[in-house]
């Protein structure tokens, strides 16, 4: 085996040879998407880059890809310093090859820069670049490939890393960002005069001596060719433009070997003779391919057949794995069903136990309620006895008697308006409940205060309901509080709880709230229905706003703050004002 054969069987070389074929997709031969290829794959056009592939990641063809690979390897061999850049990357295939060459030889101190708008070519600007007048490249939607798609293409080859730098935007807006770098390779694929001249003007001065320039559209687009010669002539460059495949050209920047900067590279260098031998072997292999196109096609078909067989084997293996997975899923599903049934049985048993516990608790509550009712009846009897024995309470008890008469009048009136026996029973039940709660409040007060104070607070409470103690005024006020029927008990209890609290001052409330004076609503009723929710204070001793701010449950319950305090907060020793504590 010759040295050349050893060189060609190097894994890095084999990898790069295969990568070139994959990037151009000469293996499966995808149909083109341009308007002049007829939608049919042509191996010769693909070799020369004369079509726009539908799937392949580059349109520059095999010849320009192989040439680009050779230049990249030559840069590494000769240790020419600098990064690689392509201006106009389309799907990124050429830059993928550049990064693959660096990766194959373990080079990590060079970057590959992809400069592109990633939205197609710009419209021509004939005012500044007359050569581009009438250019139609910006109308071809096939040339617009997003930066996300290009990144995804790199990722498919496992080549997307921090050494790949994406320069997104039109050249006039972005190239200055890399104008301080050193470059070993400039590859221009911008098609237009504007794109070509901007790249050369900005980046050519940063090209290392003996660095390489590749212009992709020199042979096909007059405007591109004119930009190249204008720049060379204006800067009096001494370069030799050399063709690649009839479309692309390349040249080397002037310099000599003594001007090369040493560029560290872990790759083992080859001599220029070995490189020339590699190029010669590549050309010979291509010539043989050209002379035996039928054999190439046969090889492609064989490869496709092998690929189909491999796919068939892969599908069979996948089906077998799928069957195994299905069996495992069925087994897991069966186990899960058994676990669910077991858990469901346990849950049903637990629910039955909980239901039994709830029933027992409900029975206990009913028993306790019955005891409470009996206790309340006993307290009422005691209260009646105390009322009979205490002559001094007679006058004050008359007010309560008139109030209760109003309740009975209300009941009789409701009896006359509703003929239904069921409705009369419901109304009587509501009034009975109100009476029980009223006596419960009175009894609760009697536990904590002398009897005289209880009766006094009771009369004061009734006095707060209206402007006087006359039966008609009190009755009207009670009707406004106790109507509608379903709210009467609750509102009556709330009015009484506020009245006996000692924390509501009608005079102080009216002085602080003159708008209430103008209304016909009693002060205590206004505070109960509106003032408390509007954060008005009932007296200097109680702050409605502070109480609602301090206790979230009061806000969420949407209950009058003073009513909540009397029914719950007092027993829980909650604070009612910054300097007031009602615990004693």
Protein backbone atom coordinates (compact mmCIF):
# COMPACT_ATOMS: atom_id res chain seq x y z
CA UNK A 1 0.00 0.00 0.00
CA UNK A 2 1.40 3.39 -0.97
CA UNK A 3 1.80 6.44 1.27
CA UNK A 4 -1.07 8.04 -0.64
CA UNK A 5 -3.35 5.12 0.17
CA UNK A 6 -2.43 5.34 3.84
CA UNK A 7 -3.24 9.03 3.75
CA UNK A 8 -6.66 8.43 2.18
CA UNK A 9 -7.59 5.73 4.71
CA UNK A 10 -6.88 8.05 7.64
CA UNK A 11 -10.16 8.21 9.65
CA UNK A 12 -10.18 12.02 9.53
CA UNK A 13 -9.90 11.94 5.74
CA UNK A 14 -12.59 9.30 5.39
CA UNK A 15 -14.88 11.32 7.68
CA UNK A 16 -14.36 14.51 5.65
CA UNK A 17 -14.79 12.67 2.33
CA UNK A 18 -18.13 11.29 3.51
CA UNK A 19 -19.18 14.65 4.97
CA UNK A 20 -18.66 16.35 1.59
CA UNK A 21 -20.98 13.84 -0.09
CA UNK A 22 -23.59 14.25 2.65
CA UNK A 23 -23.50 18.05 2.55
CA UNK A 24 -24.16 18.01 -1.20
CA UNK A 25 -26.49 14.99 -0.79
CA UNK A 26 -25.07 13.10 -3.72
CA UNK A 27 -25.84 9.89 -1.82
CA UNK A 28 -29.63 10.07 -2.14
CA UNK A 29 -29.86 12.76 -4.79
CA UNK A 30 -32.63 15.13 -3.65
CA UNK A 31 -34.59 17.06 -6.29
CA UNK A 32 -33.69 20.75 -6.84
CA UNK A 33 -36.04 23.65 -6.05
CA UNK A 34 -34.76 26.17 -8.59
CA UNK A 35 -36.67 27.21 -11.70
CA UNK A 36 -34.25 25.92 -14.32
CA UNK A 37 -33.44 22.31 -13.29
CA UNK A 38 -36.86 20.83 -14.02
CA UNK A 39 -37.24 19.37 -10.53
CA UNK A 40 -35.04 16.34 -11.32
CA UNK A 41 -31.74 15.41 -9.71
CA UNK A 42 -28.72 15.59 -12.06
CA UNK A 43 -25.42 14.29 -10.66
CA UNK A 44 -23.36 16.47 -13.02
CA UNK A 45 -25.19 19.65 -12.02
CA UNK A 46 -24.85 18.72 -8.37
CA UNK A 47 -21.11 18.14 -8.82
CA UNK A 48 -20.65 21.60 -10.35
CA UNK A 49 -23.16 23.34 -8.06
CA UNK A 50 -25.53 24.33 -10.88
CA UNK A 51 -28.79 23.60 -8.96
CA UNK A 52 -30.47 24.60 -5.71
CA UNK A 53 -31.03 21.35 -3.76
CA UNK A 54 -34.29 20.80 -1.95
CA UNK A 55 -32.70 19.02 1.04
CA UNK A 56 -28.90 19.29 0.81
CA UNK A 57 -27.27 21.81 3.13
CA UNK A 58 -25.24 23.54 0.41
CA UNK A 59 -25.63 24.45 -3.25
CA UNK A 60 -21.93 24.97 -4.08
CA UNK A 61 -21.46 21.40 -5.40
CA UNK A 62 -18.83 18.71 -4.87
CA UNK A 63 -15.98 20.51 -6.69
CA UNK A 64 -16.14 23.67 -4.59
CA UNK A 65 -16.66 21.66 -1.40
CA UNK A 66 -13.57 19.54 -2.04
CA UNK A 67 -11.58 22.60 -2.97
CA UNK A 68 -12.71 24.38 0.22
CA UNK A 69 -11.66 21.37 2.28
CA UNK A 70 -8.24 21.41 0.61
CA UNK A 71 -7.74 25.11 1.40
CA UNK A 72 -8.71 24.58 5.05
CA UNK A 73 -6.24 21.70 5.38
CA UNK A 74 -3.57 23.72 3.59
CA UNK A 75 -4.06 26.58 6.06
CA UNK A 76 -3.52 24.15 8.92
CA UNK A 77 -0.48 22.59 7.24
CA UNK A 78 1.15 25.96 6.60
CA UNK A 79 0.04 27.37 9.97
CA UNK A 80 -1.53 30.49 8.46
CA UNK A 81 -3.08 32.35 11.43
CA UNK A 82 -6.67 33.47 11.63
CA UNK A 83 -10.31 32.43 11.67
CA UNK A 84 -12.54 31.16 8.84
CA UNK A 85 -15.48 33.26 7.67
CA UNK A 86 -18.19 32.85 5.03
CA UNK A 87 -20.32 35.83 4.01
CA UNK A 88 -23.62 34.46 2.71
CA UNK A 89 -24.11 30.99 4.19
CA UNK A 90 -27.58 29.85 2.94
CA UNK A 91 -28.16 26.57 4.87
CA UNK A 92 -24.64 26.62 6.32
CA UNK A 93 -23.10 23.65 4.45
CA UNK A 94 -19.75 25.31 3.63
CA UNK A 95 -19.32 26.52 7.22
CA UNK A 96 -20.28 23.07 8.52
CA UNK A 97 -17.39 21.68 6.44
CA UNK A 98 -15.00 24.34 7.81
CA UNK A 99 -15.94 23.46 11.40
CA UNK A 100 -15.67 19.74 10.61
CA UNK A 101 -12.10 20.17 9.31
CA UNK A 102 -11.10 21.97 12.52
CA UNK A 103 -12.86 19.32 14.60
CA UNK A 104 -11.33 16.40 12.70
CA UNK A 105 -7.80 17.70 13.35
CA UNK A 106 -8.45 18.82 16.93
CA UNK A 107 -8.09 22.55 16.25
CA UNK A 108 -9.84 24.58 18.95
CA UNK A 109 -8.14 28.01 18.65
CA UNK A 110 -9.90 29.10 15.46
CA UNK A 111 -13.50 30.25 15.02
CA UNK A 112 -15.87 29.74 12.11
CA UNK A 113 -17.94 32.90 11.51
CA UNK A 114 -21.24 32.78 9.63
CA UNK A 115 -22.25 36.22 8.31
CA UNK A 116 -25.70 36.40 6.76
CA UNK A 117 -28.96 38.31 7.03
CA UNK A 118 -30.73 34.93 7.43
CA UNK A 119 -33.67 36.49 5.58
CA UNK A 120 -32.46 36.52 2.00
CA UNK A 121 -30.59 39.12 -0.07
CA UNK A 122 -31.31 42.85 0.22
CA UNK A 123 -33.07 44.77 -2.58
CA UNK A 124 -30.61 46.47 -4.97
CA UNK A 125 -29.37 49.99 -4.17
CA UNK A 126 -28.62 51.38 -7.65
CA UNK A 127 -28.03 54.89 -6.28
CA UNK A 128 -24.87 53.68 -4.53
CA UNK A 129 -24.17 50.50 -6.50
CA UNK A 130 -25.29 50.94 -10.14
CA UNK A 131 -24.00 47.48 -11.06
CA UNK A 132 -26.82 45.90 -8.99
CA UNK A 133 -29.63 47.66 -10.85
CA UNK A 134 -32.32 45.16 -11.83
CA UNK A 135 -30.95 42.43 -9.53
CA UNK A 136 -33.71 39.93 -8.62
CA UNK A 137 -32.02 37.83 -5.93
CA UNK A 138 -34.11 39.43 -3.18
CA UNK A 139 -37.28 37.97 -4.76
CA UNK A 140 -36.17 34.33 -4.38
CA UNK A 141 -37.73 33.05 -1.15
CA UNK A 142 -35.63 29.87 -1.44
CA UNK A 143 -32.56 31.93 -0.43
CA UNK A 144 -34.06 33.00 2.91
CA UNK A 145 -33.05 30.49 5.60
CA UNK A 146 -33.52 31.43 9.27
CA UNK A 147 -30.66 31.44 11.74
CA UNK A 148 -32.58 28.86 13.83
CA UNK A 149 -32.63 26.45 10.87
CA UNK A 150 -28.89 26.92 10.25
CA UNK A 151 -28.15 26.27 13.92
CA UNK A 152 -30.28 23.14 13.73
CA UNK A 153 -28.29 21.99 10.67
CA UNK A 154 -25.04 22.36 12.66
CA UNK A 155 -26.62 20.50 15.55
CA UNK A 156 -27.50 17.54 13.32
CA UNK A 157 -23.77 17.05 12.63
CA UNK A 158 -22.87 17.54 16.32
CA UNK A 159 -20.85 20.61 15.28
CA UNK A 160 -22.76 23.41 16.99
CA UNK A 161 -20.55 24.84 19.74
CA UNK A 162 -19.02 28.10 20.95
CA UNK A 163 -16.52 28.09 18.04
CA UNK A 164 -19.41 28.79 15.63
CA UNK A 165 -20.19 32.52 15.65
CA UNK A 166 -23.38 33.73 13.95
CA UNK A 167 -23.22 37.30 12.62
CA UNK A 168 -26.87 38.05 11.87
CA UNK A 169 -27.82 41.03 9.69
CA UNK A 170 -26.88 42.72 6.41
CA UNK A 171 -23.13 43.09 5.86
CA UNK A 172 -23.15 46.88 6.03
CA UNK A 173 -24.51 46.64 9.59
CA UNK A 174 -22.54 43.68 10.99
CA UNK A 175 -19.09 43.22 9.45
CA UNK A 176 -17.54 45.98 11.57
CA UNK A 177 -18.11 43.73 14.62
CA UNK A 178 -15.40 41.34 13.43
CA UNK A 179 -13.14 43.88 11.74
CA UNK A 180 -10.60 43.53 14.56
CA UNK A 181 -10.08 39.80 13.97
CA UNK A 182 -7.44 38.07 11.87
CA UNK A 183 -8.63 35.76 9.10
CA UNK A 184 -6.96 32.90 7.27
CA UNK A 185 -9.87 32.26 4.86
CA UNK A 186 -12.49 34.58 3.38
CA UNK A 187 -15.27 32.85 1.46
CA UNK A 188 -17.61 35.27 -0.33
CA UNK A 189 -21.06 34.12 -1.48
CA UNK A 190 -23.08 37.33 -1.52
CA UNK A 191 -23.93 37.29 -5.27
CA UNK A 192 -24.32 41.07 -5.62
CA UNK A 193 -21.82 43.88 -6.23
CA UNK A 194 -22.82 45.54 -2.95
CA UNK A 195 -22.32 42.39 -0.88
CA UNK A 196 -18.98 41.56 -2.52
CA UNK A 197 -17.37 45.00 -2.33
CA UNK A 198 -18.47 45.51 1.29
CA UNK A 199 -16.84 42.25 2.40
CA UNK A 200 -13.58 42.89 0.54
CA UNK A 201 -13.35 46.49 1.78
CA UNK A 202 -13.97 45.53 5.42
CA UNK A 203 -12.28 42.14 5.83
CA UNK A 204 -9.51 41.83 3.19
CA UNK A 205 -7.17 44.10 5.19
CA UNK A 206 -7.59 41.63 8.10
CA UNK A 207 -6.61 38.61 5.94
CA UNK A 208 -3.29 37.10 6.96
CA UNK A 209 -0.42 37.16 4.40
CA UNK A 210 -0.73 34.08 2.19
CA UNK A 211 -4.34 33.71 3.37
CA UNK A 212 -6.98 32.56 0.88
CA UNK A 213 -9.98 34.28 -0.72
CA UNK A 214 -12.77 32.29 -2.40
CA UNK A 215 -15.45 34.08 -4.44
CA UNK A 216 -18.33 31.73 -5.18
CA UNK A 217 -20.29 33.62 -7.90
CA UNK A 218 -17.38 35.11 -9.88
CA UNK A 219 -18.04 33.05 -13.02
CA UNK A 220 -21.86 33.41 -13.07
CA UNK A 221 -22.70 36.95 -11.94
CA UNK A 222 -21.22 39.96 -13.74
CA UNK A 223 -21.85 42.35 -10.83
CA UNK A 224 -19.92 40.08 -8.46
CA UNK A 225 -16.99 39.79 -10.91
CA UNK A 226 -16.93 43.58 -11.40
CA UNK A 227 -16.74 44.14 -7.61
CA UNK A 228 -13.72 41.80 -7.37
CA UNK A 229 -11.79 43.58 -10.12
CA UNK A 230 -12.73 47.04 -8.88
CA UNK A 231 -11.34 46.25 -5.44
CA UNK A 232 -8.17 44.66 -6.85
CA UNK A 233 -7.56 47.61 -9.18
CA UNK A 234 -8.33 50.28 -6.58
CA UNK A 235 -5.92 48.70 -4.07
CA UNK A 236 -3.31 47.65 -6.69
CA UNK A 237 -3.24 44.09 -5.45
CA UNK A 238 -0.77 41.65 -6.96
CA UNK A 239 -2.85 38.48 -7.02
CA UNK A 240 -3.58 35.67 -9.45
CA UNK A 241 -7.23 34.67 -9.74
CA UNK A 242 -7.58 30.92 -10.32
CA UNK A 243 -10.74 29.04 -11.34
CA UNK A 244 -12.27 26.17 -9.38
CA UNK A 245 -15.12 24.78 -11.48
CA UNK A 246 -16.14 27.51 -13.90
CA UNK A 247 -18.19 29.33 -11.28
CA UNK A 248 -16.06 29.88 -8.18
CA UNK A 249 -12.53 31.30 -8.13
CA UNK A 250 -9.82 31.73 -5.52
CA UNK A 251 -6.62 33.58 -4.96
CA UNK A 252 -3.96 33.94 -2.33
CA UNK A 253 -2.99 37.17 -0.64
CA UNK A 254 0.50 38.37 -1.47
CA UNK A 255 3.23 37.49 1.01
CA UNK A 256 6.05 35.00 1.48
CA UNK A 257 6.78 32.15 3.79
CA UNK A 258 8.90 34.30 6.03
CA UNK A 259 5.88 36.49 6.77
CA UNK A 260 3.80 33.65 8.25
CA UNK A 261 2.98 33.88 11.93
CA UNK A 262 3.34 30.65 13.85
CA UNK A 263 -0.12 29.27 14.62
CA UNK A 264 -0.26 26.50 17.18
CA UNK A 265 -1.98 23.38 15.90
CA UNK A 266 -2.16 19.94 17.43
CA UNK A 267 -2.52 18.44 13.92
CA UNK A 268 0.57 16.88 12.40
CA UNK A 269 1.72 18.93 9.31
CA UNK A 270 2.23 17.45 5.87
CA UNK A 271 4.58 18.68 3.22
CA UNK A 272 3.40 20.61 0.18
CA UNK A 273 4.37 17.63 -2.00
CA UNK A 274 2.05 15.40 -0.01
CA UNK A 275 -0.72 17.96 -0.32
CA UNK A 276 -0.16 18.19 -4.10
CA UNK A 277 -0.32 14.37 -4.24
CA UNK A 278 -3.64 14.47 -2.37
CA UNK A 279 -5.05 17.06 -4.78
CA UNK A 280 -3.80 15.04 -7.76
CA UNK A 281 -5.38 11.87 -6.39
CA UNK A 282 -8.66 13.68 -5.84
CA UNK A 283 -8.63 15.00 -9.40
CA UNK A 284 -7.81 11.56 -10.77
CA UNK A 285 -10.62 9.99 -8.78
CA UNK A 286 -13.03 12.59 -10.12
CA UNK A 287 -11.87 11.98 -13.66
CA UNK A 288 -12.48 8.29 -13.22
CA UNK A 289 -15.94 9.08 -11.90
CA UNK A 290 -16.65 11.25 -14.93
CA UNK A 291 -15.53 8.50 -17.30
CA UNK A 292 -17.61 5.84 -15.60
CA UNK A 293 -20.83 7.58 -14.71
CA UNK A 294 -22.80 4.37 -15.20
CA UNK A 295 -20.67 2.64 -12.57
CA UNK A 296 -21.16 5.56 -10.23
CA UNK A 297 -24.91 5.35 -10.68
CA UNK A 298 -24.74 1.62 -10.03
CA UNK A 299 -22.75 2.29 -6.87
CA UNK A 300 -25.33 4.82 -5.77
CA UNK A 301 -28.11 2.32 -6.35
CA UNK A 302 -26.16 -0.33 -4.42
CA UNK A 303 -25.64 2.14 -1.61
CA UNK A 304 -29.33 3.02 -1.70
CA UNK A 305 -30.24 -0.68 -1.63
CA UNK A 306 -27.90 -1.21 1.29
CA UNK A 307 -29.46 1.78 2.95
CA UNK A 308 -32.93 0.39 2.33
CA UNK A 309 -31.86 -2.97 3.76
CA UNK A 310 -30.33 -1.23 6.74
CA UNK A 311 -33.53 0.73 7.18
CA UNK A 312 -35.52 -2.50 6.90
CA UNK A 313 -33.35 -4.11 9.56
CA UNK A 314 -33.69 -1.00 11.68
CA UNK A 315 -37.47 -1.05 11.23
CA UNK A 316 -37.57 -4.75 12.14
CA UNK A 317 -35.49 -4.09 15.21
CA UNK A 318 -37.71 -1.15 16.06
CA UNK A 319 -40.83 -3.30 15.62
CA UNK A 320 -39.37 -5.96 17.87
CA UNK A 321 -38.44 -3.33 20.44
CA UNK A 322 -41.92 -1.87 20.08
CA UNK A 323 -43.49 -5.27 20.69
CA UNK A 324 -41.33 -5.77 23.76
CA UNK A 325 -42.24 -2.30 24.96
CA UNK A 326 -45.92 -3.06 24.32
CA UNK A 327 -45.68 -6.23 26.40
CA UNK A 328 -43.92 -4.31 29.16
CA UNK A 329 -46.58 -1.59 29.02
CA UNK A 330 -49.34 -4.21 29.19
CA UNK A 331 -47.66 -5.80 32.18
CA UNK A 332 -47.18 -2.41 33.84
CA UNK A 333 -50.78 -1.49 33.00
CA UNK A 334 -52.05 -4.72 34.60
CA UNK A 335 -49.99 -4.04 37.72
CA UNK A 336 -51.27 -0.47 37.83
CA UNK A 337 -54.89 -1.66 37.48
CA UNK A 338 -54.39 -4.10 40.35
CA UNK A 339 -52.84 -1.37 42.47
CA UNK A 340 -55.69 1.01 41.62
CA UNK A 341 -58.30 -1.62 42.49
CA UNK A 342 -56.55 -2.28 45.78
CA UNK A 343 -56.25 1.44 46.50
CA UNK A 344 -59.90 1.94 45.50
CA UNK A 345 -61.04 -0.80 47.89
CA UNK A 346 -59.02 0.74 50.71
CA UNK A 347 -60.41 4.15 49.89
CA UNK A 348 -64.01 2.83 49.90
CA UNK A 349 -63.44 1.23 53.30
CA UNK A 350 -61.94 4.45 54.60
CA UNK A 351 -64.86 6.46 53.21
CA UNK A 352 -67.32 4.14 54.91
CA UNK A 353 -65.48 4.62 58.20
CA UNK A 354 -65.46 8.38 57.69
CA UNK A 355 -69.18 8.34 56.86
CA UNK A 356 -69.93 6.39 60.01
CA UNK A 357 -67.86 8.85 62.01
CA UNK A 358 -69.74 11.74 60.43
CA UNK A 359 -73.06 10.16 61.30
CA UNK A 360 -71.99 9.66 64.89
CA UNK A 361 -70.75 13.23 65.05
CA UNK A 362 -74.01 14.47 63.53
CA UNK A 363 -75.98 12.58 66.17
CA UNK A 364 -73.83 14.07 68.89
CA UNK A 365 -74.43 17.54 67.49
CA UNK A 366 -78.19 16.93 67.42
CA UNK A 367 -78.08 15.77 71.02
CA UNK A 368 -76.05 18.80 72.02
CA UNK A 369 -78.45 21.07 70.16
CA UNK A 370 -81.37 19.51 71.99
CA UNK A 371 -79.62 20.09 75.29
CA UNK A 372 -78.91 23.68 74.29
CA UNK A 373 -82.60 24.19 73.45
CA UNK A 374 -83.63 22.84 76.83
CA UNK A 375 -81.03 25.02 78.48
CA UNK A 376 -82.35 28.04 76.61
CA UNK A 377 -85.89 27.25 77.71
CA UNK A 378 -84.71 27.01 81.28
CA UNK A 379 -82.95 30.34 80.95
CA UNK A 380 -86.11 31.91 79.53
CA UNK A 381 -88.08 30.60 82.47
CA UNK A 382 -85.49 32.01 84.85
CA UNK A 383 -85.59 35.34 83.05
CA UNK A 384 -89.42 35.43 83.32
CA UNK A 385 -89.19 34.69 87.04
CA UNK A 386 -86.62 37.42 87.54
CA UNK A 387 -88.84 39.81 85.56
CA UNK A 388 -91.85 39.06 87.79
CA UNK A 389 -89.82 39.38 91.02
CA UNK A 390 -88.06 42.63 90.08
CA UNK A 391 -90.46 45.52 90.14
CA UNK A 392 -87.76 47.95 89.20
CA UNK A 393 -87.36 46.29 85.83
CA UNK A 394 -91.07 46.60 84.96
CA UNK A 395 -90.79 49.95 83.20
CA UNK A 396 -87.83 48.88 81.12
CA UNK A 397 -89.40 45.50 80.37
CA UNK A 398 -92.35 47.30 78.79
CA UNK A 399 -90.10 48.36 75.93
CA UNK A 400 -89.14 44.75 75.34
CA UNK A 401 -92.80 43.80 75.61
CA UNK A 402 -93.78 46.35 72.95
CA UNK A 403 -90.95 45.13 70.75
CA UNK A 404 -92.13 41.56 71.08
CA UNK A 405 -95.69 42.75 70.31
CA UNK A 406 -94.39 44.25 67.08
CA UNK A 407 -92.89 40.85 66.27
CA UNK A 408 -96.25 39.16 66.94
CA UNK A 409 -98.04 41.80 64.84
CA UNK A 410 -95.56 41.11 62.04
CA UNK A 411 -96.27 37.42 62.38
CA UNK A 412 -100.06 37.93 62.30
CA UNK A 413 -99.68 40.17 59.25
CA UNK A 414 -97.62 37.51 57.46
CA UNK A 415 -100.30 34.92 58.43
CA UNK A 416 -102.96 37.03 56.76
CA UNK A 417 -100.95 37.45 53.51
CA UNK A 418 -99.82 33.87 53.13
CA UNK A 419 -102.57 31.24 53.15
CA UNK A 420 -100.27 28.35 52.75
CA UNK A 421 -99.86 26.36 55.97
CA UNK A 422 -96.25 25.50 55.00
CA UNK A 423 -95.28 29.18 54.58
CA UNK A 424 -96.87 30.05 57.95
CA UNK A 425 -94.89 27.27 59.57
CA UNK A 426 -91.59 28.53 58.01
CA UNK A 427 -92.33 32.12 59.16
CA UNK A 428 -93.16 30.99 62.68
CA UNK A 429 -89.93 28.94 62.74
CA UNK A 430 -87.88 32.00 61.68
CA UNK A 431 -89.49 34.17 64.36
CA UNK A 432 -89.01 31.42 66.93
CA UNK A 433 -85.31 31.17 66.02
CA UNK A 434 -84.97 34.96 66.32
CA UNK A 435 -86.52 34.84 69.79
CA UNK A 436 -84.13 32.06 70.83
CA UNK A 437 -81.09 33.95 69.63
CA UNK A 438 -82.37 37.16 71.26
CA UNK A 439 -82.73 35.37 74.59
CA UNK A 440 -79.34 33.74 74.08
CA UNK A 441 -77.74 37.16 73.63
CA UNK A 442 -79.55 38.47 76.71
CA UNK A 443 -78.52 35.40 78.65
CA UNK A 444 -74.91 35.75 77.47
CA UNK A 445 -74.93 39.34 78.66
CA UNK A 446 -76.44 38.33 81.97
CA UNK A 447 -73.47 36.06 82.66
CA UNK A 448 -70.99 38.92 82.50
CA UNK A 449 -73.02 41.86 83.91
CA UNK A 450 -75.49 42.50 86.70
CA UNK A 451 -79.13 42.17 85.87
CA UNK A 452 -79.63 45.90 86.08
CA UNK A 453 -76.96 46.56 83.50
CA UNK A 454 -78.37 43.85 81.21
CA UNK A 455 -81.83 45.43 81.21
CA UNK A 456 -80.27 48.89 80.82
CA UNK A 457 -78.24 47.77 77.79
CA UNK A 458 -81.32 46.07 76.39
CA UNK A 459 -83.34 49.30 76.60
CA UNK A 460 -80.41 51.29 75.18
CA UNK A 461 -80.21 48.82 72.29
CA UNK A 462 -83.83 49.32 71.48
CA UNK A 463 -83.44 53.06 71.83
CA UNK A 464 -80.67 52.99 69.19
CA UNK A 465 -83.08 51.48 66.70
CA UNK A 466 -85.21 54.61 66.36
CA UNK A 467 -85.57 58.22 67.38
CA UNK A 468 -87.85 57.36 70.32
CA UNK A 469 -89.10 54.52 72.44
CA UNK A 470 -92.65 54.65 71.18
CA UNK A 471 -94.07 51.43 69.95
CA UNK A 472 -94.77 52.78 66.46
CA UNK A 473 -91.20 54.12 65.90
CA UNK A 474 -89.57 51.01 67.29
CA UNK A 475 -91.87 48.84 65.21
CA UNK A 476 -91.03 50.72 62.01
CA UNK A 477 -87.29 50.42 62.72
CA UNK A 478 -87.56 46.73 63.49
CA UNK A 479 -89.51 46.16 60.26
CA UNK A 480 -86.69 47.86 58.30
CA UNK A 481 -84.13 45.66 60.04
CA UNK A 482 -86.05 42.38 60.02
CA UNK A 483 -87.19 42.55 56.37
CA UNK A 484 -86.85 40.49 54.27
CA UNK A 485 -87.94 37.50 56.29
CA UNK A 486 -84.92 35.27 55.63
CA UNK A 487 -82.51 37.91 56.97
CA UNK A 488 -84.49 39.09 59.97
CA UNK A 489 -82.99 36.83 62.60
CA UNK A 490 -79.41 37.46 61.51
CA UNK A 491 -79.83 41.25 61.21
CA UNK A 492 -81.65 41.46 64.53
CA UNK A 493 -78.85 39.60 66.23
CA UNK A 494 -76.23 41.81 64.57
CA UNK A 495 -78.06 45.05 65.61
CA UNK A 496 -78.35 43.81 69.18
CA UNK A 497 -74.68 42.72 69.28
CA UNK A 498 -73.58 46.20 68.12
CA UNK A 499 -75.99 47.97 70.48
CA UNK A 500 -74.87 46.12 73.60
CA UNK A 501 -71.16 46.23 72.73
CA UNK A 502 -70.58 49.64 74.30
CA UNK A 503 -68.43 50.41 71.23
CA UNK A 504 -71.11 52.25 69.21
CA UNK A 505 -71.91 55.93 69.88
CA UNK A 506 -74.79 57.28 67.70
CA UNK A 507 -73.98 60.87 68.51
CA UNK A 508 -70.26 60.47 67.76
CA UNK A 509 -71.05 58.53 64.55
CA UNK A 510 -73.47 61.22 63.28
CA UNK A 511 -71.00 64.02 64.10
CA UNK A 512 -68.27 62.30 62.13
CA UNK A 513 -70.59 61.34 59.27
CA UNK A 514 -72.94 64.26 58.47
CA UNK A 515 -74.19 62.48 55.37
CA UNK A 516 -75.89 59.91 57.61
CA UNK A 517 -77.80 62.71 59.40
CA UNK A 518 -79.40 63.73 56.12
CA UNK A 519 -80.71 60.23 55.51
CA UNK A 520 -83.67 58.56 57.17
CA UNK A 521 -81.64 55.53 58.23
CA UNK A 522 -80.84 55.22 61.99
CA UNK A 523 -77.14 55.54 62.78
CA UNK A 524 -76.75 51.95 63.99
CA UNK A 525 -78.54 50.55 60.92
CA UNK A 526 -76.39 52.68 58.62
CA UNK A 527 -73.20 51.44 60.28
CA UNK A 528 -74.39 47.83 60.10
CA UNK A 529 -75.36 47.96 56.42
CA UNK A 530 -72.83 50.45 55.03
CA UNK A 531 -70.47 52.20 57.47
CA UNK A 532 -68.58 49.15 58.66
CA UNK A 533 -67.83 47.99 55.09
CA UNK A 534 -66.79 51.57 54.17
CA UNK A 535 -64.25 51.42 57.06
CA UNK A 536 -66.09 54.11 59.10
CA UNK A 537 -65.49 53.92 62.87
CA UNK A 538 -68.49 53.38 65.22
CA UNK A 539 -66.75 55.23 68.10
CA UNK A 540 -63.24 56.35 69.09
CA UNK A 541 -62.77 52.97 70.77
CA UNK A 542 -63.05 50.80 67.63
CA UNK A 543 -61.19 51.12 64.28
CA UNK A 544 -63.06 49.37 61.46
CA UNK A 545 -60.19 49.87 58.99
CA UNK A 546 -57.51 48.57 61.39
CA UNK A 547 -59.62 45.53 62.32
CA UNK A 548 -60.21 44.57 58.65
CA UNK A 549 -56.58 45.17 57.67
CA UNK A 550 -55.25 43.15 60.59
CA UNK A 551 -57.55 40.12 60.13
CA UNK A 552 -57.71 38.59 56.70
CA UNK A 553 -60.55 36.21 57.61
CA UNK A 554 -62.81 39.23 58.32
CA UNK A 555 -62.11 40.67 54.87
CA UNK A 556 -62.73 37.36 53.14
CA UNK A 557 -65.96 36.72 55.12
CA UNK A 558 -67.33 40.15 54.04
CA UNK A 559 -68.85 40.71 57.47
CA UNK A 560 -69.31 43.95 59.47
CA UNK A 561 -66.09 44.31 61.55
CA UNK A 562 -67.84 45.26 64.84
CA UNK A 563 -70.38 42.43 64.43
CA UNK A 564 -67.51 39.98 63.85
CA UNK A 565 -65.72 41.30 66.92
CA UNK A 566 -68.76 40.92 69.17
CA UNK A 567 -69.63 37.44 67.86
CA UNK A 568 -66.08 36.06 67.57
CA UNK A 569 -63.26 38.57 68.02
CA UNK A 570 -63.99 39.40 71.67
CA UNK A 571 -63.73 35.75 72.69
CA UNK A 572 -60.55 35.39 70.59
CA UNK A 573 -59.06 38.51 72.27
CA UNK A 574 -58.49 40.30 68.98
CA UNK A 575 -57.33 43.91 68.97
CA UNK A 576 -59.83 46.61 67.96
CA UNK A 577 -57.70 49.79 67.95
CA UNK A 578 -54.00 50.70 68.29
CA UNK A 579 -54.36 51.58 71.98
CA UNK A 580 -57.46 49.60 73.02
CA UNK A 581 -57.46 46.01 74.31
CA UNK A 582 -60.87 44.45 75.08
CA UNK A 583 -59.53 41.32 76.71
CA UNK A 584 -60.49 42.59 80.20
